[in-house]
Amino acid sequence: MPGGFDIDVSVVVPSYNVEAYLEEALAAARKNNRIALEILVVDDGSRDATAEIAAAEAALDPRIQVIAKENGGYGQAVNLGFSKARGRYVAILEPDDYPAAHMYDDLFEVAERFEFPDVVKSSYWRLVRGEDGSERRWHNDYYQAIRPKVQPFTLKDEPWLIRYHPSIWSALYRRAFLEERGIRFKEVPGAGWVDNPFMVETLAQASSIVYTDEPYYHYREDLPGSSSVTLPWETQFERWIDMMDVLDRFGEDDPHIREALYVVGFRYVEKALAAYPDDGEVREGAQRIVARMDPEIIKGLDRVSPTLRTLAFELRGEEVPKFDSLAYARSLVEAGMHSLSINGLGFTAGYLGKYAAALKDRLRLSKEHS
C-alpha cells in the first residue's frame, strides 16, 4: 500500500437502535472492492437487534469489526471509531443511510490522483419519503453550486461549503490530518448536531480540499425521530455558537466564510422565532447569536431577508440601516432557478411552497417587531 498503510479507508458506523437499516448500509459498504477497506461498527449500547445484525454481517465479511460500548452519544461513538481506525483516510457512515456501491473506492482514487489531500468532499443524494412510503431521490443543494477553480483548494476559495447541510458523511478525512490538528467530535448525549462544529473545524483547518460533484451517499433526511426533525432550538443555537467559536479559535476572519455561517445562524433564528414567537428565551438566544455577528457583514447579506436583518439590528440595539429588497429578491430567484435546474419542476414547486410558508412567518415577525 502507498505510504505504508495496510488500510486505505476506515469507515466508522456509529450505531444505536438501527436494526431496521443497518444491514442495508453495511451490505452497500461491503461492495467496495478496489481498495483496502475496514468497516468499524460502533454499537453505542443499542437495545434492539443492532448488535446481532452487526455480528451477522461481520461473519460474512472479515473487513467488518464490531466495537461494543455503553451508550454515550454520536460524537463519543465516532471518536472511539476514529481511535481504532487504521486507514489512511476515515469516513463516517450513518447506518440509517447508505453509500453507492463504490463510493469509498472512487473517493480514495480521487485522493490518490490529487496526492492525498486533507479532505475529499463529494455531493450526495437526498432521500425523501412520499405519502405512499416510497423514497424519491433528489440532488442536494450544493450540487453544481460548488465549482472550485483549482483542485485542491481551501475553504477561502469555496466558503459556501459551510452554508449548506454539514453532510460530513459525504467525505473522506485524512486520518493524520485529524490527529495532527486534534480534531474530535464534541461528546454530548444523543446526536446533538455535533456534525456542525466538526464540519467547520475540518474545512477551516484543511490546507487541501478536493471536491467531486458526483453524488454517492444516500441521506434519509426526514426519518421520524431523527435529530434533523426533532432537535430543540436551544441545541441548534448552541451548535452555531460552537461553529463561531471554531472560527474565532483559529483567527479565521475571512468575511465570506463568516457570511456563509451567518446565513446558517439566521436560518436557525428564523425557525425558532416562527415556532415560538412569544418565547422570551428564544428571543434572548437569538440576541446571543446576532451579537456574534459583524454588523457590516449583516448589512450586505442579500441572501437573508430584510425582515430578519432588521430584527438583528433591533436585537443588537442599533440603528436599522436600509436594505436592498431587490437584491434579496434576486437571490431567491437564483435559488429557485438552481433548484429547477438540478431537480426539476416538482421538487421546486415544493421548495416554493416552503418559501411561501416562511414568508408568512417573516411578515408576522415584521409586524410584531415594527
Protein backbone atom coordinates (compact mmCIF):
# COMPACT_ATOMS: atom_id res chain seq x y z
CA MET A 1 0.00 0.00 0.00
CA PRO A 2 1.26 3.52 -0.75
CA GLY A 3 2.86 5.25 2.22
CA GLY A 4 2.97 2.08 4.31
CA PHE A 5 -0.74 1.92 5.16
CA ASP A 6 -2.33 -1.52 5.28
CA ILE A 7 -5.79 0.05 5.11
CA ASP A 8 -6.84 2.76 2.66
CA VAL A 9 -10.17 3.77 4.19
CA SER A 10 -11.69 3.08 7.59
CA VAL A 11 -15.46 3.54 7.59
CA VAL A 12 -16.85 4.27 11.05
CA VAL A 13 -20.52 3.35 11.55
CA PRO A 14 -21.91 4.85 14.81
CA SER A 15 -24.93 2.66 15.58
CA TYR A 16 -27.73 2.99 18.10
CA ASN A 17 -31.00 1.08 17.73
CA VAL A 18 -30.79 0.89 13.93
CA GLU A 19 -31.99 -2.67 13.35
CA ALA A 20 -34.27 -1.51 10.51
CA TYR A 21 -31.42 -0.06 8.43
CA LEU A 22 -28.02 -1.45 9.44
CA GLU A 23 -27.98 -4.48 7.14
CA GLU A 24 -28.70 -2.31 4.09
CA ALA A 25 -25.95 0.17 5.00
CA LEU A 26 -23.31 -2.50 5.61
CA ALA A 27 -24.26 -4.50 2.53
CA ALA A 28 -23.75 -1.39 0.41
CA ALA A 29 -20.41 -0.55 2.04
CA ARG A 30 -19.17 -4.11 1.53
CA LYS A 31 -19.45 -3.67 -2.26
CA ASN A 32 -16.30 -1.55 -2.28
CA ASN A 33 -13.69 -3.93 -3.64
CA ARG A 34 -10.86 -1.95 -5.23
CA ILE A 35 -9.28 -0.59 -2.03
CA ALA A 36 -8.18 -1.97 1.31
CA LEU A 37 -11.22 -1.24 3.45
CA GLU A 38 -12.21 -1.73 7.06
CA ILE A 39 -15.67 -1.10 8.46
CA LEU A 40 -15.89 -0.32 12.18
CA VAL A 41 -19.41 -0.70 13.55
CA VAL A 42 -19.53 1.06 16.90
CA ASP A 43 -22.57 -0.27 18.77
CA ASP A 44 -23.43 2.56 21.14
CA GLY A 45 -25.34 0.49 23.70
CA SER A 46 -28.20 -0.49 21.40
CA ARG A 47 -31.24 -2.14 22.96
CA ASP A 48 -32.63 -3.71 19.80
CA ALA A 49 -31.13 -6.24 17.37
CA THR A 50 -28.37 -3.92 16.15
CA ALA A 51 -25.58 -5.98 17.77
CA GLU A 52 -26.87 -9.25 16.31
CA ILE A 53 -27.17 -7.78 12.81
CA ALA A 54 -23.67 -6.31 13.01
CA ALA A 55 -22.26 -9.66 14.16
CA ALA A 56 -24.00 -11.47 11.30
CA GLU A 57 -22.57 -9.01 8.77
CA ALA A 58 -19.10 -9.38 10.31
CA ALA A 59 -19.37 -13.15 9.88
CA LEU A 60 -19.92 -12.57 6.17
CA ASP A 61 -17.02 -10.15 5.70
CA PRO A 62 -13.77 -10.10 7.72
CA ARG A 63 -13.38 -6.39 6.92
CA ILE A 64 -16.18 -5.63 9.40
CA GLN A 65 -15.29 -5.22 13.06
CA VAL A 66 -17.89 -4.67 15.77
CA ILE A 67 -16.99 -2.46 18.74
CA ALA A 68 -19.43 -2.54 21.66
CA LYS A 69 -19.70 0.27 24.19
CA GLU A 70 -22.13 1.77 26.67
CA ASN A 71 -24.39 4.47 25.30
CA GLY A 72 -22.61 7.79 25.15
CA GLY A 73 -23.92 9.55 22.07
CA TYR A 74 -22.98 10.01 18.44
CA GLY A 75 -19.84 12.07 18.99
CA GLN A 76 -18.38 9.64 21.50
CA ALA A 77 -19.10 6.69 19.21
CA VAL A 78 -17.38 8.29 16.22
CA ASN A 79 -14.39 9.36 18.33
CA LEU A 80 -13.96 5.78 19.52
CA GLY A 81 -14.16 4.53 15.95
CA PHE A 82 -11.56 7.06 14.82
CA SER A 83 -9.24 5.96 17.63
CA LYS A 84 -9.45 2.34 16.45
CA ALA A 85 -9.12 3.16 12.74
CA ARG A 86 -6.03 2.08 10.80
CA GLY A 87 -6.81 3.65 7.44
CA ARG A 88 -5.01 6.45 5.66
CA TYR A 89 -8.48 8.02 5.47
CA VAL A 90 -11.53 7.77 7.70
CA ALA A 91 -15.17 8.15 6.69
CA ILE A 92 -18.47 8.19 8.56
CA LEU A 93 -21.47 6.11 7.55
CA GLU A 94 -24.68 6.77 9.44
CA PRO A 95 -26.48 3.41 9.45
CA ASP A 96 -29.90 4.74 8.50
CA ASP A 97 -28.35 5.93 5.23
CA TYR A 98 -26.35 4.00 2.64
CA PRO A 99 -23.48 4.66 0.20
CA ALA A 100 -23.37 3.95 -3.51
CA ALA A 101 -21.72 0.63 -4.32
CA HIS A 102 -18.21 2.01 -4.90
CA MET A 103 -18.27 5.30 -3.02
CA TYR A 104 -15.12 4.67 -0.99
CA ASP A 105 -13.27 3.07 -3.91
CA ASP A 106 -13.94 6.13 -6.04
CA LEU A 107 -13.20 8.76 -3.39
CA PHE A 108 -9.92 7.12 -2.43
CA GLU A 109 -8.88 7.05 -6.07
CA VAL A 110 -9.70 10.78 -6.25
CA ALA A 111 -7.44 11.24 -3.21
CA GLU A 112 -4.63 9.32 -4.92
CA ARG A 113 -4.99 11.43 -8.05
CA PHE A 114 -4.52 14.62 -6.02
CA GLU A 115 -1.68 13.31 -3.83
CA PHE A 116 -3.74 12.67 -0.70
CA PRO A 117 -5.38 15.96 0.33
CA ASP A 118 -6.71 16.55 3.84
CA VAL A 119 -10.35 16.24 2.76
CA VAL A 120 -12.09 14.68 -0.23
CA LYS A 121 -15.65 16.01 -0.41
CA SER A 122 -18.49 14.85 -2.65
CA SER A 123 -22.08 15.66 -3.44
CA TYR A 124 -24.88 13.42 -2.13
CA TRP A 125 -28.46 12.30 -2.72
CA ARG A 126 -31.37 13.45 -0.55
CA LEU A 127 -33.90 10.67 0.05
CA VAL A 128 -37.37 12.00 0.81
CA ARG A 129 -40.24 9.70 1.72
CA GLY A 130 -43.54 10.25 -0.05
CA GLU A 131 -47.01 9.78 1.38
CA ASP A 132 -47.15 6.30 -0.16
CA GLY A 133 -43.95 5.29 1.67
CA SER A 134 -41.75 5.33 -1.42
CA GLU A 135 -38.47 7.23 -1.46
CA ARG A 136 -37.66 9.90 -4.02
CA ARG A 137 -34.07 10.81 -4.77
CA TRP A 138 -33.11 14.47 -5.20
CA HIS A 139 -29.80 16.27 -5.63
CA ASN A 140 -28.58 18.17 -2.60
CA ASP A 141 -28.49 21.97 -2.59
CA TYR A 142 -24.78 22.39 -3.32
CA TYR A 143 -24.81 20.06 -6.34
CA GLN A 144 -23.49 22.11 -9.30
CA ALA A 145 -23.09 25.10 -6.95
CA ILE A 146 -19.59 24.28 -5.67
CA ARG A 147 -17.23 24.83 -8.58
CA PRO A 148 -13.63 25.27 -7.44
CA LYS A 149 -11.39 26.98 -9.97
CA VAL A 150 -8.45 24.83 -8.89
CA GLN A 151 -8.07 21.50 -7.12
CA PRO A 152 -7.05 21.13 -4.34
CA PHE A 153 -8.43 24.30 -2.75
CA THR A 154 -9.12 25.72 0.72
CA LEU A 155 -12.29 26.97 2.39
CA LYS A 156 -11.40 30.56 1.43
CA ASP A 157 -11.82 29.51 -2.22
CA GLU A 158 -15.26 27.91 -1.66
CA PRO A 159 -16.66 29.39 1.57
CA TRP A 160 -20.25 28.42 0.74
CA LEU A 161 -19.40 24.82 1.60
CA ILE A 162 -20.31 25.67 5.21
CA ARG A 163 -23.59 27.35 4.28
CA TYR A 164 -25.27 24.05 3.42
CA HIS A 165 -26.08 20.87 5.34
CA PRO A 166 -22.86 19.74 7.06
CA SER A 167 -23.01 16.35 5.23
CA ILE A 168 -19.85 15.17 7.00
CA TRP A 169 -20.55 11.63 5.74
CA SER A 170 -20.08 12.60 2.07
CA ALA A 171 -16.33 12.88 2.54
CA LEU A 172 -13.04 11.22 3.37
CA TYR A 173 -10.76 12.76 6.00
CA ARG A 174 -7.04 12.09 6.10
CA ARG A 175 -6.57 10.46 9.49
CA ALA A 176 -3.16 12.02 10.15
CA PHE A 177 -4.66 15.46 9.47
CA LEU A 178 -7.34 14.91 12.14
CA GLU A 179 -4.77 13.63 14.62
CA GLU A 180 -2.23 16.40 13.96
CA ARG A 181 -4.88 19.10 14.43
CA GLY A 182 -6.53 17.38 17.40
CA ILE A 183 -9.91 17.37 15.67
CA ARG A 184 -12.52 15.36 17.53
CA PHE A 185 -16.28 15.36 17.86
CA LYS A 186 -17.97 17.17 20.70
CA GLU A 187 -19.32 14.49 23.05
CA VAL A 188 -22.88 15.11 24.20
CA PRO A 189 -25.84 12.78 24.82
CA GLY A 190 -27.69 11.63 21.71
CA ALA A 191 -26.84 13.05 18.29
CA GLY A 192 -26.87 16.71 19.31
CA TRP A 193 -25.88 18.09 15.90
CA VAL A 194 -22.20 17.64 16.71
CA ASP A 195 -21.59 17.21 12.98
CA ASN A 196 -21.86 21.00 12.58
CA PRO A 197 -18.72 22.09 14.51
CA PHE A 198 -16.84 19.06 13.11
CA MET A 199 -17.68 20.22 9.59
CA VAL A 200 -16.43 23.75 10.22
CA GLU A 201 -13.31 22.60 12.05
CA THR A 202 -12.22 20.17 9.32
CA LEU A 203 -12.90 22.50 6.40
CA ALA A 204 -11.47 25.59 8.12
CA GLN A 205 -8.24 23.81 9.06
CA ALA A 206 -7.73 21.80 5.89
CA SER A 207 -4.86 23.02 3.74
CA SER A 208 -6.11 20.93 0.81
CA ILE A 209 -9.68 20.03 -0.13
CA VAL A 210 -10.76 18.21 -3.27
CA TYR A 211 -14.38 18.24 -4.39
CA THR A 212 -16.29 16.00 -6.77
CA ASP A 213 -19.86 16.72 -7.83
CA GLU A 214 -20.58 13.01 -8.20
CA PRO A 215 -23.27 12.08 -5.64
CA TYR A 216 -22.53 8.84 -3.79
CA TYR A 217 -24.10 8.99 -0.35
CA HIS A 218 -27.86 8.46 0.12
CA TYR A 219 -29.10 10.57 3.02
CA ARG A 220 -32.53 9.94 4.54
CA GLU A 221 -33.33 13.42 5.72
CA ASP A 222 -36.85 13.12 7.10
CA LEU A 223 -36.89 9.99 9.23
CA PRO A 224 -39.29 10.25 12.21
CA GLY A 225 -37.34 10.88 15.40
CA SER A 226 -34.12 11.93 13.67
CA SER A 227 -32.25 14.90 15.15
CA SER A 228 -32.80 16.90 11.97
CA VAL A 229 -36.54 16.70 12.66
CA THR A 230 -36.76 16.81 16.47
CA LEU A 231 -33.75 18.84 17.62
CA PRO A 232 -34.70 21.64 20.06
CA TRP A 233 -33.85 25.23 19.16
CA GLU A 234 -31.51 25.51 22.16
CA THR A 235 -29.19 22.88 20.71
CA GLN A 236 -29.25 24.45 17.26
CA PHE A 237 -28.26 27.80 18.74
CA GLU A 238 -25.55 26.18 20.86
CA ARG A 239 -24.03 24.43 17.86
CA TRP A 240 -23.98 27.66 15.87
CA ILE A 241 -22.08 29.28 18.72
CA ASP A 242 -19.71 26.29 18.64
CA MET A 243 -19.09 26.89 14.94
CA MET A 244 -18.33 30.55 15.52
CA ASP A 245 -16.00 29.56 18.35
CA VAL A 246 -14.08 27.37 15.89
CA LEU A 247 -13.53 30.30 13.52
CA ASP A 248 -12.51 32.58 16.38
CA ARG A 249 -10.15 30.00 17.85
CA PHE A 250 -8.20 29.81 14.60
CA GLY A 251 -8.44 33.50 13.84
CA GLU A 252 -10.42 32.84 10.68
CA ASP A 253 -11.82 36.27 9.85
CA ASP A 254 -12.41 35.86 6.12
CA PRO A 255 -15.65 37.82 5.58
CA HIS A 256 -17.01 35.36 3.01
CA ILE A 257 -16.57 32.41 5.39
CA ARG A 258 -18.30 34.33 8.15
CA GLU A 259 -21.04 35.41 5.74
CA ALA A 260 -21.74 31.76 4.94
CA LEU A 261 -22.01 30.90 8.62
CA TYR A 262 -24.22 33.92 9.29
CA VAL A 263 -26.72 32.58 6.74
CA VAL A 264 -26.89 29.39 8.80
CA GLY A 265 -27.38 31.37 12.01
CA PHE A 266 -30.22 33.38 10.54
CA ARG A 267 -31.85 30.15 9.34
CA TYR A 268 -31.86 28.80 12.90
CA VAL A 269 -33.16 32.08 14.32
CA GLU A 270 -35.97 32.26 11.80
CA LYS A 271 -37.12 28.70 12.50
CA ALA A 272 -37.05 29.18 16.27
CA LEU A 273 -38.87 32.52 16.27
CA ALA A 274 -41.50 31.20 13.87
CA ALA A 275 -42.14 28.19 16.13
CA TYR A 276 -42.03 30.12 19.43
CA PRO A 277 -42.92 33.74 18.62
CA ASP A 278 -43.76 34.71 22.20
CA ASP A 279 -40.94 32.90 23.98
CA GLY A 280 -38.59 35.32 25.71
CA GLU A 281 -35.84 32.71 25.97
CA VAL A 282 -35.86 32.18 22.19
CA ARG A 283 -35.53 35.92 21.70
CA GLU A 284 -32.61 36.02 24.16
CA GLY A 285 -30.99 33.13 22.32
CA ALA A 286 -31.41 34.94 19.00
CA GLN A 287 -29.87 38.01 20.61
CA ARG A 288 -26.79 35.98 21.58
CA ILE A 289 -26.42 34.79 18.00
CA VAL A 290 -26.67 38.19 16.30
CA ALA A 291 -24.33 39.65 18.93
CA ARG A 292 -21.59 37.39 17.49
CA MET A 293 -22.08 38.83 14.00
CA ASP A 294 -20.25 41.73 12.36
CA PRO A 295 -22.90 44.37 11.55
CA GLU A 296 -21.11 45.36 8.35
CA ILE A 297 -21.39 41.79 7.06
CA ILE A 298 -25.08 41.65 8.08
CA LYS A 299 -25.77 44.78 6.01
CA GLY A 300 -24.54 43.13 2.82
CA LEU A 301 -26.11 39.74 3.43
CA ASP A 302 -28.51 39.79 0.50
CA ARG A 303 -29.35 36.10 0.91
CA VAL A 304 -31.07 36.89 4.22
CA SER A 305 -34.45 38.66 4.20
CA PRO A 306 -34.57 42.36 5.12
CA THR A 307 -37.06 41.41 7.87
CA LEU A 308 -34.53 39.16 9.59
CA ARG A 309 -31.69 41.63 9.18
CA THR A 310 -33.89 44.38 10.59
CA LEU A 311 -34.64 42.16 13.57
CA ALA A 312 -30.91 41.52 14.02
CA PHE A 313 -30.14 45.22 14.37
CA GLU A 314 -33.09 45.66 16.73
CA LEU A 315 -31.83 42.81 18.90
CA ARG A 316 -28.38 44.40 18.88
CA GLY A 317 -29.93 47.71 19.99
CA GLU A 318 -28.53 49.52 16.95
CA GLU A 319 -29.98 51.78 14.27
CA VAL A 320 -31.54 49.80 11.44
CA PRO A 321 -29.98 50.58 8.03
CA LYS A 322 -31.86 50.47 4.74
CA PHE A 323 -31.69 47.16 2.89
CA ASP A 324 -31.91 46.42 -0.83
CA SER A 325 -35.06 44.30 -1.18
CA LEU A 326 -34.41 43.78 -4.89
CA ALA A 327 -31.05 42.15 -4.13
CA TYR A 328 -32.80 39.73 -1.79
CA ALA A 329 -35.44 39.00 -4.44
CA ARG A 330 -32.68 38.26 -6.96
CA SER A 331 -31.11 35.80 -4.55
CA LEU A 332 -34.45 33.98 -4.22
CA VAL A 333 -34.84 33.79 -7.99
CA GLU A 334 -31.30 32.42 -8.30
CA ALA A 335 -32.02 29.78 -5.65
CA GLY A 336 -35.26 28.80 -7.37
CA MET A 337 -33.61 28.56 -10.78
CA HIS A 338 -30.82 26.44 -9.35
CA SER A 339 -33.33 24.09 -7.73
CA LEU A 340 -35.23 23.88 -11.01
CA SER A 341 -32.09 23.07 -12.98
CA ILE A 342 -30.93 20.24 -10.72
CA ASN A 343 -34.21 18.70 -9.52
CA GLY A 344 -36.96 19.77 -11.88
CA LEU A 345 -40.33 21.39 -11.50
CA GLY A 346 -41.92 19.01 -8.97
CA PHE A 347 -39.24 19.50 -6.36
CA THR A 348 -39.02 23.25 -7.00
CA ALA A 349 -42.77 23.62 -6.50
CA GLY A 350 -42.34 22.11 -3.05
CA TYR A 351 -39.44 24.48 -2.40
CA LEU A 352 -41.63 27.45 -3.34
CA GLY A 353 -44.37 26.17 -1.03
CA LYS A 354 -41.94 26.08 1.89
CA TYR A 355 -40.76 29.58 0.99
CA ALA A 356 -44.35 30.87 0.96
CA ALA A 357 -44.87 29.46 4.46
CA ALA A 358 -41.63 31.06 5.63
CA LEU A 359 -42.69 34.36 4.07
CA LYS A 360 -45.87 34.36 6.17
CA ASP A 361 -43.73 33.91 9.28
CA ARG A 362 -41.47 36.76 8.21
CA LEU A 363 -44.42 39.09 7.66
CA ARG A 364 -45.74 38.20 11.10
CA LEU A 365 -42.32 38.79 12.65
CA SER A 366 -42.11 42.11 10.86
CA LYS A 367 -45.47 43.24 12.29
CA GLU A 368 -44.55 42.09 15.80
CA HIS A 369 -41.27 43.98 15.80
CA SER A 370 -42.42 47.09 13.94
